[in-house]
Amino acid sequence: MTDHTRPTVPNPDLELVEALRRITAVRHTSLSGDEDHHLEMSTKTHSALSDAKVRSFSLDSYSSKAKADSKLKDIRHLHTNGHDFHNAVNHITDTVEDVKITEAIDQDSENEIVTLEEKPQAKISYSDDDIASDMAVQYKKILEHLGENPSRQGLLKTPERAAKAMMFFTKGYKENIADVLNDAVFDENHDDVVIVKDIEMFSLCEHHLVPFMGKVHIGYLPNNKILGLSKLARIVEVYSRRLQVQERLTKQIALAITEAIQPAGVGVVVEACHMCMVMRGVQKLNSKTITSTMLGVFRDDPKTREEFLSLTLTK
């Protein structure tokens, strides 16, 4: 009786896997000469095939993936039409090498991009004269926007003067406490409160760039170290010569003293008149703002705090 059932179509992928499995299974048998070389090449081919399949789906470059897919199709065609198994091996090897080369190029490009992005830019240094010149140009534009004529006699030098004045008003940005103290910290067994009051202070409000001015009172309780008295005024100068708010200024002064000599306590009181309230806005000529920061025993001990406040705020 004739069998009219449709013949089974061989699956080239399954046949390749089965063939490679059989070849790998005999790897541990004793072979010599050409057989040993054939086995080694077949085993490498199995590894290359696996590597090619994994890599072909993880390529970032679309062109590399397309090329790999095309060569794998060629392999299936060769196998289906009865071509030599070693031809398929050669195609697989070529595909893997092409993929590796492409990946290496892509990786080198990525490394080059990262290197360029991470390369630190050279910091450009400007002199005070350069900064003043650039600021003067901007001040000239401000005068023009106000409707003035910067070329008239009274305003010819105003942009340069304004630029230099602003640099002086904000010179605290270029100063630091370590340089200001200049080793003016002394060992001294003194355990009573030290107070320096009525230190004059001028600063610029960071909200409107108009002045606020007043007095700073500082007191601290030494802990076997004292600070040169003039340095207290210098600390006030450093922080006030920046764009400020009074609340922050008060705390910065207290923290700087604490860091310098680690006293048992620090108290700072600032009394100031703000031109942003006097010249504009509510225009209250006699208004005064008082802020304080208390650290250590000045915060914890009411008696010490009261003594400090009574000595500083009494006229």
C-alpha atoms as a PDB file:
ATOM      1  CA  MET A   1       0.000   0.000   0.000  1.00  0.00           C
ATOM      2  CA  THR A   2       1.351   3.373  -1.059  1.00  0.00           C
ATOM      3  CA  ASP A   3       2.056   5.881   1.702  1.00  0.00           C
ATOM      4  CA  HIS A   4       0.588   9.218   0.621  1.00  0.00           C
ATOM      5  CA  THR A   5       1.510  11.074   3.795  1.00  0.00           C
ATOM      6  CA  ARG A   6       3.453  14.278   3.330  1.00  0.00           C
ATOM      7  CA  PRO A   7       7.203  13.777   3.903  1.00  0.00           C
ATOM      8  CA  THR A   8       8.658  15.473   6.969  1.00  0.00           C
ATOM      9  CA  VAL A   9      10.522  18.687   6.124  1.00  0.00           C
ATOM     10  CA  PRO A  10      13.849  18.768   7.972  1.00  0.00           C
ATOM     11  CA  ASN A  11      14.390  21.643  10.376  1.00  0.00           C
ATOM     12  CA  PRO A  12      17.891  22.989   9.693  1.00  0.00           C
ATOM     13  CA  ASP A  13      18.203  24.600  13.120  1.00  0.00           C
ATOM     14  CA  LEU A  14      17.360  21.364  14.918  1.00  0.00           C
ATOM     15  CA  GLU A  15      19.688  19.369  12.703  1.00  0.00           C
ATOM     16  CA  LEU A  16      22.557  21.776  13.352  1.00  0.00           C
ATOM     17  CA  VAL A  17      21.999  21.624  17.082  1.00  0.00           C
ATOM     18  CA  GLU A  18      21.762  17.821  17.006  1.00  0.00           C
ATOM     19  CA  ALA A  19      24.897  17.508  14.905  1.00  0.00           C
ATOM     20  CA  LEU A  20      26.814  19.804  17.212  1.00  0.00           C
ATOM     21  CA  ARG A  21      25.519  17.867  20.223  1.00  0.00           C
ATOM     22  CA  ARG A  22      26.800  14.605  18.811  1.00  0.00           C
ATOM     23  CA  ILE A  23      30.161  16.119  17.970  1.00  0.00           C
ATOM     24  CA  THR A  24      30.493  17.623  21.440  1.00  0.00           C
ATOM     25  CA  ALA A  25      29.524  14.307  23.045  1.00  0.00           C
ATOM     26  CA  VAL A  26      32.576  12.593  21.640  1.00  0.00           C
ATOM     27  CA  ARG A  27      34.957  15.366  22.698  1.00  0.00           C
ATOM     28  CA  HIS A  28      36.267  13.255  25.580  1.00  0.00           C
ATOM     29  CA  THR A  29      37.068  10.241  23.413  1.00  0.00           C
ATOM     30  CA  SER A  30      40.608   9.661  22.302  1.00  0.00           C
ATOM     31  CA  LEU A  31      41.138  11.056  18.773  1.00  0.00           C
ATOM     32  CA  SER A  32      44.293  11.725  16.797  1.00  0.00           C
ATOM     33  CA  GLY A  33      45.488  13.657  13.769  1.00  0.00           C
ATOM     34  CA  ASP A  34      42.755  15.106  11.541  1.00  0.00           C
ATOM     35  CA  GLU A  35      39.929  13.746  13.711  1.00  0.00           C
ATOM     36  CA  ASP A  36      41.233  15.604  16.774  1.00  0.00           C
ATOM     37  CA  HIS A  37      41.568  18.800  14.716  1.00  0.00           C
ATOM     38  CA  HIS A  38      38.029  18.339  13.330  1.00  0.00           C
ATOM     39  CA  LEU A  39      36.618  17.853  16.829  1.00  0.00           C
ATOM     40  CA  GLU A  40      38.354  20.957  18.187  1.00  0.00           C
ATOM     41  CA  MET A  41      37.112  23.056  15.274  1.00  0.00           C
ATOM     42  CA  SER A  42      33.566  21.738  15.702  1.00  0.00           C
ATOM     43  CA  THR A  43      33.580  22.517  19.419  1.00  0.00           C
ATOM     44  CA  LYS A  44      34.780  26.070  18.722  1.00  0.00           C
ATOM     45  CA  THR A  45      32.059  26.332  16.114  1.00  0.00           C
ATOM     46  CA  HIS A  46      29.414  25.396  18.695  1.00  0.00           C
ATOM     47  CA  SER A  47      30.710  28.131  21.006  1.00  0.00           C
ATOM     48  CA  ALA A  48      30.865  30.597  18.119  1.00  0.00           C
ATOM     49  CA  LEU A  49      27.291  29.735  17.073  1.00  0.00           C
ATOM     50  CA  SER A  50      25.986  30.350  20.589  1.00  0.00           C
ATOM     51  CA  ASP A  51      27.989  33.532  20.836  1.00  0.00           C
ATOM     52  CA  ALA A  52      26.700  34.739  17.484  1.00  0.00           C
ATOM     53  CA  LYS A  53      23.059  34.105  18.435  1.00  0.00           C
ATOM     54  CA  VAL A  54      23.380  35.890  21.750  1.00  0.00           C
ATOM     55  CA  ARG A  55      25.289  38.829  20.352  1.00  0.00           C
ATOM     56  CA  SER A  56      23.066  39.221  17.284  1.00  0.00           C
ATOM     57  CA  PHE A  57      20.150  40.149  19.534  1.00  0.00           C
ATOM     58  CA  SER A  58      22.113  42.524  21.768  1.00  0.00           C
ATOM     59  CA  LEU A  59      23.783  44.696  19.145  1.00  0.00           C
ATOM     60  CA  ASP A  60      23.281  48.425  19.418  1.00  0.00           C
ATOM     61  CA  SER A  61      24.008  48.894  15.729  1.00  0.00           C
ATOM     62  CA  TYR A  62      21.064  47.952  13.474  1.00  0.00           C
ATOM     63  CA  SER A  63      23.351  47.368  10.505  1.00  0.00           C
ATOM     64  CA  SER A  64      25.395  44.787  12.426  1.00  0.00           C
ATOM     65  CA  LYS A  65      22.271  42.876  13.460  1.00  0.00           C
ATOM     66  CA  ALA A  66      20.928  42.945   9.900  1.00  0.00           C
ATOM     67  CA  LYS A  67      24.230  41.583   8.583  1.00  0.00           C
ATOM     68  CA  ALA A  68      24.264  38.803  11.170  1.00  0.00           C
ATOM     69  CA  ASP A  69      20.651  37.836  10.377  1.00  0.00           C
ATOM     70  CA  SER A  70      21.450  37.728   6.664  1.00  0.00           C
ATOM     71  CA  LYS A  71      24.393  35.361   7.162  1.00  0.00           C
ATOM     72  CA  LEU A  72      22.387  33.072   9.438  1.00  0.00           C
ATOM     73  CA  LYS A  73      19.760  32.798   6.689  1.00  0.00           C
ATOM     74  CA  ASP A  74      22.546  31.868   4.261  1.00  0.00           C
ATOM     75  CA  ILE A  75      23.622  29.107   6.667  1.00  0.00           C
ATOM     76  CA  ARG A  76      20.131  27.621   6.767  1.00  0.00           C
ATOM     77  CA  HIS A  77      19.967  27.734   2.956  1.00  0.00           C
ATOM     78  CA  LEU A  78      23.314  25.974   2.622  1.00  0.00           C
ATOM     79  CA  HIS A  79      22.270  23.248   5.039  1.00  0.00           C
ATOM     80  CA  THR A  80      18.898  22.684   3.365  1.00  0.00           C
ATOM     81  CA  ASN A  81      20.531  22.260  -0.033  1.00  0.00           C
ATOM     82  CA  GLY A  82      23.053  19.739   1.222  1.00  0.00           C
ATOM     83  CA  HIS A  83      26.166  21.881   1.249  1.00  0.00           C
ATOM     84  CA  ASP A  84      29.163  20.873   3.287  1.00  0.00           C
ATOM     85  CA  PHE A  85      28.829  21.427   7.023  1.00  0.00           C
ATOM     86  CA  HIS A  86      32.225  23.170   7.077  1.00  0.00           C
ATOM     87  CA  ASN A  87      30.901  25.875   4.717  1.00  0.00           C
ATOM     88  CA  ALA A  88      28.262  26.652   7.295  1.00  0.00           C
ATOM     89  CA  VAL A  89      30.985  26.720   9.978  1.00  0.00           C
ATOM     90  CA  ASN A  90      32.986  29.248   7.964  1.00  0.00           C
ATOM     91  CA  HIS A  91      29.927  31.474   7.553  1.00  0.00           C
ATOM     92  CA  ILE A  92      29.250  31.331  11.285  1.00  0.00           C
ATOM     93  CA  THR A  93      32.859  32.253  12.083  1.00  0.00           C
ATOM     94  CA  ASP A  94      32.772  35.177   9.638  1.00  0.00           C
ATOM     95  CA  THR A  95      29.539  36.414  11.188  1.00  0.00           C
ATOM     96  CA  VAL A  96      30.953  36.288  14.695  1.00  0.00           C
ATOM     97  CA  GLU A  97      34.127  38.110  13.649  1.00  0.00           C
ATOM     98  CA  ASP A  98      32.127  40.827  11.862  1.00  0.00           C
ATOM     99  CA  VAL A  99      29.963  41.299  14.934  1.00  0.00           C
ATOM    100  CA  LYS A 100      32.985  41.473  17.254  1.00  0.00           C
ATOM    101  CA  ILE A 101      34.746  44.015  15.030  1.00  0.00           C
ATOM    102  CA  THR A 102      31.611  46.171  14.824  1.00  0.00           C
ATOM    103  CA  GLU A 103      31.127  46.004  18.575  1.00  0.00           C
ATOM    104  CA  ALA A 104      34.768  46.947  19.151  1.00  0.00           C
ATOM    105  CA  ILE A 105      34.395  49.982  16.864  1.00  0.00           C
ATOM    106  CA  ASP A 106      31.168  51.004  18.601  1.00  0.00           C
ATOM    107  CA  GLN A 107      32.812  50.597  22.018  1.00  0.00           C
ATOM    108  CA  ASP A 108      35.816  52.686  20.963  1.00  0.00           C
ATOM    109  CA  SER A 109      33.449  55.418  19.742  1.00  0.00           C
ATOM    110  CA  GLU A 110      31.525  55.348  23.018  1.00  0.00           C
ATOM    111  CA  ASN A 111      34.766  55.527  25.012  1.00  0.00           C
ATOM    112  CA  GLU A 112      35.918  58.461  22.924  1.00  0.00           C
ATOM    113  CA  ILE A 113      32.625  60.287  23.511  1.00  0.00           C
ATOM    114  CA  VAL A 114      32.769  59.626  27.259  1.00  0.00           C
ATOM    115  CA  THR A 115      36.374  60.795  27.379  1.00  0.00           C
ATOM    116  CA  LEU A 116      35.462  64.023  25.613  1.00  0.00           C
ATOM    117  CA  GLU A 117      32.475  64.604  27.897  1.00  0.00           C
ATOM    118  CA  GLU A 118      34.392  63.865  31.094  1.00  0.00           C
ATOM    119  CA  LYS A 119      37.500  65.824  30.150  1.00  0.00           C
ATOM    120  CA  PRO A 120      37.641  68.744  32.579  1.00  0.00           C
ATOM    121  CA  GLN A 121      37.445  72.142  30.977  1.00  0.00           C
ATOM    122  CA  ALA A 122      40.312  74.491  31.654  1.00  0.00           C
ATOM    123  CA  LYS A 123      39.244  77.132  34.162  1.00  0.00           C
ATOM    124  CA  ILE A 124      39.558  80.611  32.729  1.00  0.00           C
ATOM    125  CA  SER A 125      41.081  83.111  35.117  1.00  0.00           C
ATOM    126  CA  TYR A 126      40.086  86.775  34.916  1.00  0.00           C
ATOM    127  CA  SER A 127      41.969  89.657  36.495  1.00  0.00           C
ATOM    128  CA  ASP A 128      40.189  92.332  38.530  1.00  0.00           C
ATOM    129  CA  ASP A 129      40.718  94.769  35.663  1.00  0.00           C
ATOM    130  CA  ASP A 130      39.064  92.363  33.204  1.00  0.00           C
ATOM    131  CA  ILE A 131      36.077  91.910  35.510  1.00  0.00           C
ATOM    132  CA  ALA A 132      35.748  95.652  36.112  1.00  0.00           C
ATOM    133  CA  SER A 133      35.876  96.332  32.367  1.00  0.00           C
ATOM    134  CA  ASP A 134      33.170  93.775  31.628  1.00  0.00           C
ATOM    135  CA  MET A 135      30.968  95.090  34.442  1.00  0.00           C
ATOM    136  CA  ALA A 136      31.431  98.678  33.220  1.00  0.00           C
ATOM    137  CA  VAL A 137      29.953  97.700  29.850  1.00  0.00           C
ATOM    138  CA  GLN A 138      26.882  96.333  31.628  1.00  0.00           C
ATOM    139  CA  TYR A 139      26.518  99.449  33.792  1.00  0.00           C
ATOM    140  CA  LYS A 140      26.638 101.585  30.661  1.00  0.00           C
ATOM    141  CA  LYS A 141      23.735  99.591  29.262  1.00  0.00           C
ATOM    142  CA  ILE A 142      21.824 100.079  32.514  1.00  0.00           C
ATOM    143  CA  LEU A 143      22.255 103.845  32.209  1.00  0.00           C
ATOM    144  CA  GLU A 144      20.984 103.718  28.638  1.00  0.00           C
ATOM    145  CA  HIS A 145      17.946 101.660  29.691  1.00  0.00           C
ATOM    146  CA  LEU A 146      17.200 104.245  32.386  1.00  0.00           C
ATOM    147  CA  GLY A 147      17.009 106.889  29.667  1.00  0.00           C
ATOM    148  CA  GLU A 148      20.317 108.538  30.488  1.00  0.00           C
ATOM    149  CA  ASN A 149      23.106 109.520  28.149  1.00  0.00           C
ATOM    150  CA  PRO A 150      26.314 107.738  29.272  1.00  0.00           C
ATOM    151  CA  SER A 151      28.318 110.042  27.010  1.00  0.00           C
ATOM    152  CA  ARG A 152      27.519 113.230  28.887  1.00  0.00           C
ATOM    153  CA  GLN A 153      30.265 114.697  31.039  1.00  0.00           C
ATOM    154  CA  GLY A 154      28.882 113.689  34.424  1.00  0.00           C
ATOM    155  CA  LEU A 155      28.442 110.017  33.417  1.00  0.00           C
ATOM    156  CA  LEU A 156      31.556 109.413  31.330  1.00  0.00           C
ATOM    157  CA  LYS A 157      33.384 107.575  34.138  1.00  0.00           C
ATOM    158  CA  THR A 158      30.307 106.372  36.013  1.00  0.00           C
ATOM    159  CA  PRO A 159      30.234 102.806  34.589  1.00  0.00           C
ATOM    160  CA  GLU A 160      33.856 102.216  35.623  1.00  0.00           C
ATOM    161  CA  ARG A 161      33.299 103.772  39.062  1.00  0.00           C
ATOM    162  CA  ALA A 162      30.150 101.727  39.640  1.00  0.00           C
ATOM    163  CA  ALA A 163      31.941  98.509  38.627  1.00  0.00           C
ATOM    164  CA  LYS A 164      34.835  99.136  41.033  1.00  0.00           C
ATOM    165  CA  ALA A 165      32.433 100.106  43.813  1.00  0.00           C
ATOM    166  CA  MET A 166      30.427  96.904  43.376  1.00  0.00           C
ATOM    167  CA  MET A 167      33.610  94.845  43.486  1.00  0.00           C
ATOM    168  CA  PHE A 168      34.522  96.524  46.778  1.00  0.00           C
ATOM    169  CA  PHE A 169      31.044  96.013  48.221  1.00  0.00           C
ATOM    170  CA  THR A 170      31.330  92.272  47.497  1.00  0.00           C
ATOM    171  CA  LYS A 171      35.029  91.715  48.180  1.00  0.00           C
ATOM    172  CA  GLY A 172      34.104  89.178  50.871  1.00  0.00           C
ATOM    173  CA  TYR A 173      33.669  86.561  48.144  1.00  0.00           C
ATOM    174  CA  LYS A 174      37.435  86.573  47.634  1.00  0.00           C
ATOM    175  CA  GLU A 175      38.270  86.283  51.325  1.00  0.00           C
ATOM    176  CA  ASN A 176      38.142  83.356  53.722  1.00  0.00           C
ATOM    177  CA  ILE A 177      38.194  83.140  57.491  1.00  0.00           C
ATOM    178  CA  ALA A 178      41.454  81.162  57.723  1.00  0.00           C
ATOM    179  CA  ASP A 179      43.392  83.942  55.994  1.00  0.00           C
ATOM    180  CA  VAL A 180      41.647  86.617  58.029  1.00  0.00           C
ATOM    181  CA  LEU A 181      42.429  85.030  61.411  1.00  0.00           C
ATOM    182  CA  ASN A 182      46.086  84.633  60.437  1.00  0.00           C
ATOM    183  CA  ASP A 183      46.905  82.495  63.499  1.00  0.00           C
ATOM    184  CA  ALA A 184      45.470  85.100  65.883  1.00  0.00           C
ATOM    185  CA  VAL A 185      44.228  82.346  68.214  1.00  0.00           C
ATOM    186  CA  PHE A 186      45.878  82.307  71.636  1.00  0.00           C
ATOM    187  CA  ASP A 187      45.881  79.905  74.564  1.00  0.00           C
ATOM    188  CA  GLU A 188      44.460  81.649  77.614  1.00  0.00           C
ATOM    189  CA  ASN A 189      42.821  80.336  80.764  1.00  0.00           C
ATOM    190  CA  HIS A 190      39.972  82.854  80.809  1.00  0.00           C
ATOM    191  CA  ASP A 191      36.457  81.637  81.655  1.00  0.00           C
ATOM    192  CA  ASP A 192      34.384  84.855  81.652  1.00  0.00           C
ATOM    193  CA  VAL A 193      32.355  86.310  78.818  1.00  0.00           C
ATOM    194  CA  VAL A 194      34.198  88.406  76.213  1.00  0.00           C
ATOM    195  CA  ILE A 195      32.049  91.005  74.419  1.00  0.00           C
ATOM    196  CA  VAL A 196      32.832  93.345  71.524  1.00  0.00           C
ATOM    197  CA  LYS A 197      29.868  95.579  70.671  1.00  0.00           C
ATOM    198  CA  ASP A 198      28.890  98.238  68.150  1.00  0.00           C
ATOM    199  CA  ILE A 199      30.946  96.815  65.278  1.00  0.00           C
ATOM    200  CA  GLU A 200      29.835  98.835  62.252  1.00  0.00           C
ATOM    201  CA  MET A 201      28.486  96.773  59.388  1.00  0.00           C
ATOM    202  CA  PHE A 202      27.573  97.607  55.764  1.00  0.00           C
ATOM    203  CA  SER A 203      26.146  95.054  53.360  1.00  0.00           C
ATOM    204  CA  LEU A 204      23.973  94.658  50.254  1.00  0.00           C
ATOM    205  CA  CYS A 205      20.538  93.086  50.364  1.00  0.00           C
ATOM    206  CA  GLU A 206      20.573  90.198  47.910  1.00  0.00           C
ATOM    207  CA  HIS A 207      16.913  90.776  46.998  1.00  0.00           C
ATOM    208  CA  HIS A 208      17.214  94.347  45.675  1.00  0.00           C
ATOM    209  CA  LEU A 209      20.982  95.075  45.657  1.00  0.00           C
ATOM    210  CA  VAL A 210      20.443  98.060  47.957  1.00  0.00           C
ATOM    211  CA  PRO A 211      22.367  98.603  51.203  1.00  0.00           C
ATOM    212  CA  PHE A 212      21.513  97.661  54.744  1.00  0.00           C
ATOM    213  CA  MET A 213      23.703  98.880  57.565  1.00  0.00           C
ATOM    214  CA  GLY A 214      23.945  98.762  61.314  1.00  0.00           C
ATOM    215  CA  LYS A 215      25.912  97.348  64.225  1.00  0.00           C
ATOM    216  CA  VAL A 216      27.025  93.899  65.308  1.00  0.00           C
ATOM    217  CA  HIS A 217      27.489  92.800  68.929  1.00  0.00           C
ATOM    218  CA  ILE A 218      29.520  89.657  69.599  1.00  0.00           C
ATOM    219  CA  GLY A 219      30.087  87.770  72.833  1.00  0.00           C
ATOM    220  CA  TYR A 220      31.718  84.419  73.541  1.00  0.00           C
ATOM    221  CA  LEU A 221      32.693  82.318  76.546  1.00  0.00           C
ATOM    222  CA  PRO A 222      36.290  81.065  76.021  1.00  0.00           C
ATOM    223  CA  ASN A 223      37.284  77.451  76.381  1.00  0.00           C
ATOM    224  CA  ASN A 224      41.050  77.889  77.036  1.00  0.00           C
ATOM    225  CA  LYS A 225      41.383  79.825  73.744  1.00  0.00           C
ATOM    226  CA  ILE A 226      40.776  83.470  72.887  1.00  0.00           C
ATOM    227  CA  LEU A 227      40.651  85.326  69.582  1.00  0.00           C
ATOM    228  CA  GLY A 228      42.379  88.620  68.766  1.00  0.00           C
ATOM    229  CA  LEU A 229      39.732  91.311  69.282  1.00  0.00           C
ATOM    230  CA  SER A 230      40.242  92.924  65.890  1.00  0.00           C
ATOM    231  CA  LYS A 231      39.579  89.549  64.269  1.00  0.00           C
ATOM    232  CA  LEU A 232      35.985  89.643  65.435  1.00  0.00           C
ATOM    233  CA  ALA A 233      35.499  92.813  63.408  1.00  0.00           C
ATOM    234  CA  ARG A 234      37.309  91.212  60.454  1.00  0.00           C
ATOM    235  CA  ILE A 235      34.940  88.231  60.524  1.00  0.00           C
ATOM    236  CA  VAL A 236      32.008  90.652  60.362  1.00  0.00           C
ATOM    237  CA  GLU A 237      33.661  92.391  57.403  1.00  0.00           C
ATOM    238  CA  VAL A 238      34.192  89.181  55.433  1.00  0.00           C
ATOM    239  CA  TYR A 239      30.575  88.053  55.589  1.00  0.00           C
ATOM    240  CA  SER A 240      28.952  91.489  55.318  1.00  0.00           C
ATOM    241  CA  ARG A 241      30.856  92.250  52.097  1.00  0.00           C
ATOM    242  CA  ARG A 242      28.724  89.787  50.185  1.00  0.00           C
ATOM    243  CA  LEU A 243      25.144  89.792  48.925  1.00  0.00           C
ATOM    244  CA  GLN A 244      23.318  88.998  52.149  1.00  0.00           C
ATOM    245  CA  VAL A 245      20.207  88.664  54.238  1.00  0.00           C
ATOM    246  CA  GLN A 246      20.581  89.736  57.846  1.00  0.00           C
ATOM    247  CA  GLU A 247      19.443  86.402  59.278  1.00  0.00           C
ATOM    248  CA  ARG A 248      22.125  84.451  57.436  1.00  0.00           C
ATOM    249  CA  LEU A 249      24.802  87.017  58.190  1.00  0.00           C
ATOM    250  CA  THR A 250      24.141  86.713  61.944  1.00  0.00           C
ATOM    251  CA  LYS A 251      24.469  82.941  61.912  1.00  0.00           C
ATOM    252  CA  GLN A 252      27.593  82.932  59.711  1.00  0.00           C
ATOM    253  CA  ILE A 253      29.435  85.179  62.166  1.00  0.00           C
ATOM    254  CA  ALA A 254      28.543  82.932  65.124  1.00  0.00           C
ATOM    255  CA  LEU A 255      29.539  79.744  63.310  1.00  0.00           C
ATOM    256  CA  ALA A 256      32.862  81.199  62.170  1.00  0.00           C
ATOM    257  CA  ILE A 257      33.836  82.065  65.760  1.00  0.00           C
ATOM    258  CA  THR A 258      32.752  78.628  66.952  1.00  0.00           C
ATOM    259  CA  GLU A 259      34.870  76.919  64.303  1.00  0.00           C
ATOM    260  CA  ALA A 260      37.903  79.103  65.045  1.00  0.00           C
ATOM    261  CA  ILE A 261      38.236  78.654  68.824  1.00  0.00           C
ATOM    262  CA  GLN A 262      35.568  76.125  69.925  1.00  0.00           C
ATOM    263  CA  PRO A 263      34.272  78.317  72.788  1.00  0.00           C
ATOM    264  CA  ALA A 264      31.787  77.161  75.408  1.00  0.00           C
ATOM    265  CA  GLY A 265      29.236  79.457  73.799  1.00  0.00           C
ATOM    266  CA  VAL A 266      28.747  82.275  71.288  1.00  0.00           C
ATOM    267  CA  GLY A 267      26.170  85.062  71.059  1.00  0.00           C
ATOM    268  CA  VAL A 268      25.729  87.422  68.089  1.00  0.00           C
ATOM    269  CA  VAL A 269      23.192  90.246  67.783  1.00  0.00           C
ATOM    270  CA  VAL A 270      22.823  92.399  64.646  1.00  0.00           C
ATOM    271  CA  GLU A 271      20.847  95.657  64.520  1.00  0.00           C
ATOM    272  CA  ALA A 272      20.380  97.062  61.016  1.00  0.00           C
ATOM    273  CA  CYS A 273      18.405  99.497  58.905  1.00  0.00           C
ATOM    274  CA  HIS A 274      17.438  98.245  55.447  1.00  0.00           C
ATOM    275  CA  MET A 275      17.227 100.646  52.537  1.00  0.00           C
ATOM    276  CA  CYS A 276      14.793  98.299  50.793  1.00  0.00           C
ATOM    277  CA  MET A 277      12.320  99.311  53.531  1.00  0.00           C
ATOM    278  CA  VAL A 278      13.395 102.942  53.771  1.00  0.00           C
ATOM    279  CA  MET A 279      13.914 104.000  50.126  1.00  0.00           C
ATOM    280  CA  ARG A 280      11.234 101.805  48.517  1.00  0.00           C
ATOM    281  CA  GLY A 281       8.338  99.547  49.445  1.00  0.00           C
ATOM    282  CA  VAL A 282       6.741 100.605  52.733  1.00  0.00           C
ATOM    283  CA  GLN A 283       9.269 103.471  53.154  1.00  0.00           C
ATOM    284  CA  LYS A 284       9.468 103.320  56.957  1.00  0.00           C
ATOM    285  CA  LEU A 285      12.382 105.587  57.774  1.00  0.00           C
ATOM    286  CA  ASN A 286      12.886 104.628  61.413  1.00  0.00           C
ATOM    287  CA  SER A 287      12.424 100.864  61.130  1.00  0.00           C
ATOM    288  CA  LYS A 288      15.169  98.660  62.529  1.00  0.00           C
ATOM    289  CA  THR A 289      15.691  94.898  62.243  1.00  0.00           C
ATOM    290  CA  ILE A 290      17.281  92.926  65.099  1.00  0.00           C
ATOM    291  CA  THR A 291      18.486  89.332  64.689  1.00  0.00           C
ATOM    292  CA  SER A 292      20.374  87.070  67.082  1.00  0.00           C
ATOM    293  CA  THR A 293      22.118  83.707  67.124  1.00  0.00           C
ATOM    294  CA  MET A 294      22.907  81.902  70.364  1.00  0.00           C
ATOM    295  CA  LEU A 295      25.102  78.803  70.502  1.00  0.00           C
ATOM    296  CA  GLY A 296      26.331  76.627  73.381  1.00  0.00           C
ATOM    297  CA  VAL A 297      25.796  78.041  76.866  1.00  0.00           C
ATOM    298  CA  PHE A 298      24.321  81.235  75.410  1.00  0.00           C
ATOM    299  CA  ARG A 299      21.415  79.127  74.208  1.00  0.00           C
ATOM    300  CA  ASP A 300      21.255  76.627  77.081  1.00  0.00           C
ATOM    301  CA  ASP A 301      21.894  78.860  80.104  1.00  0.00           C
ATOM    302  CA  PRO A 302      19.330  81.686  80.564  1.00  0.00           C
ATOM    303  CA  LYS A 303      21.590  83.586  82.965  1.00  0.00           C
ATOM    304  CA  THR A 304      24.520  83.692  80.524  1.00  0.00           C
ATOM    305  CA  ARG A 305      22.218  84.765  77.713  1.00  0.00           C
ATOM    306  CA  GLU A 306      20.613  87.474  79.849  1.00  0.00           C
ATOM    307  CA  GLU A 307      24.007  88.833  80.850  1.00  0.00           C
ATOM    308  CA  PHE A 308      25.096  89.048  77.229  1.00  0.00           C
ATOM    309  CA  LEU A 309      21.903  90.740  76.040  1.00  0.00           C
ATOM    310  CA  SER A 310      21.886  93.230  78.914  1.00  0.00           C
ATOM    311  CA  LEU A 311      25.467  94.284  78.176  1.00  0.00           C
ATOM    312  CA  THR A 312      25.024  94.592  74.418  1.00  0.00           C
ATOM    313  CA  LEU A 313      21.573  96.142  74.034  1.00  0.00           C
ATOM    314  CA  THR A 314      21.770  98.763  76.767  1.00  0.00           C
ATOM    315  CA  LYS A 315      22.736 102.225  75.529  1.00  0.00           C
END
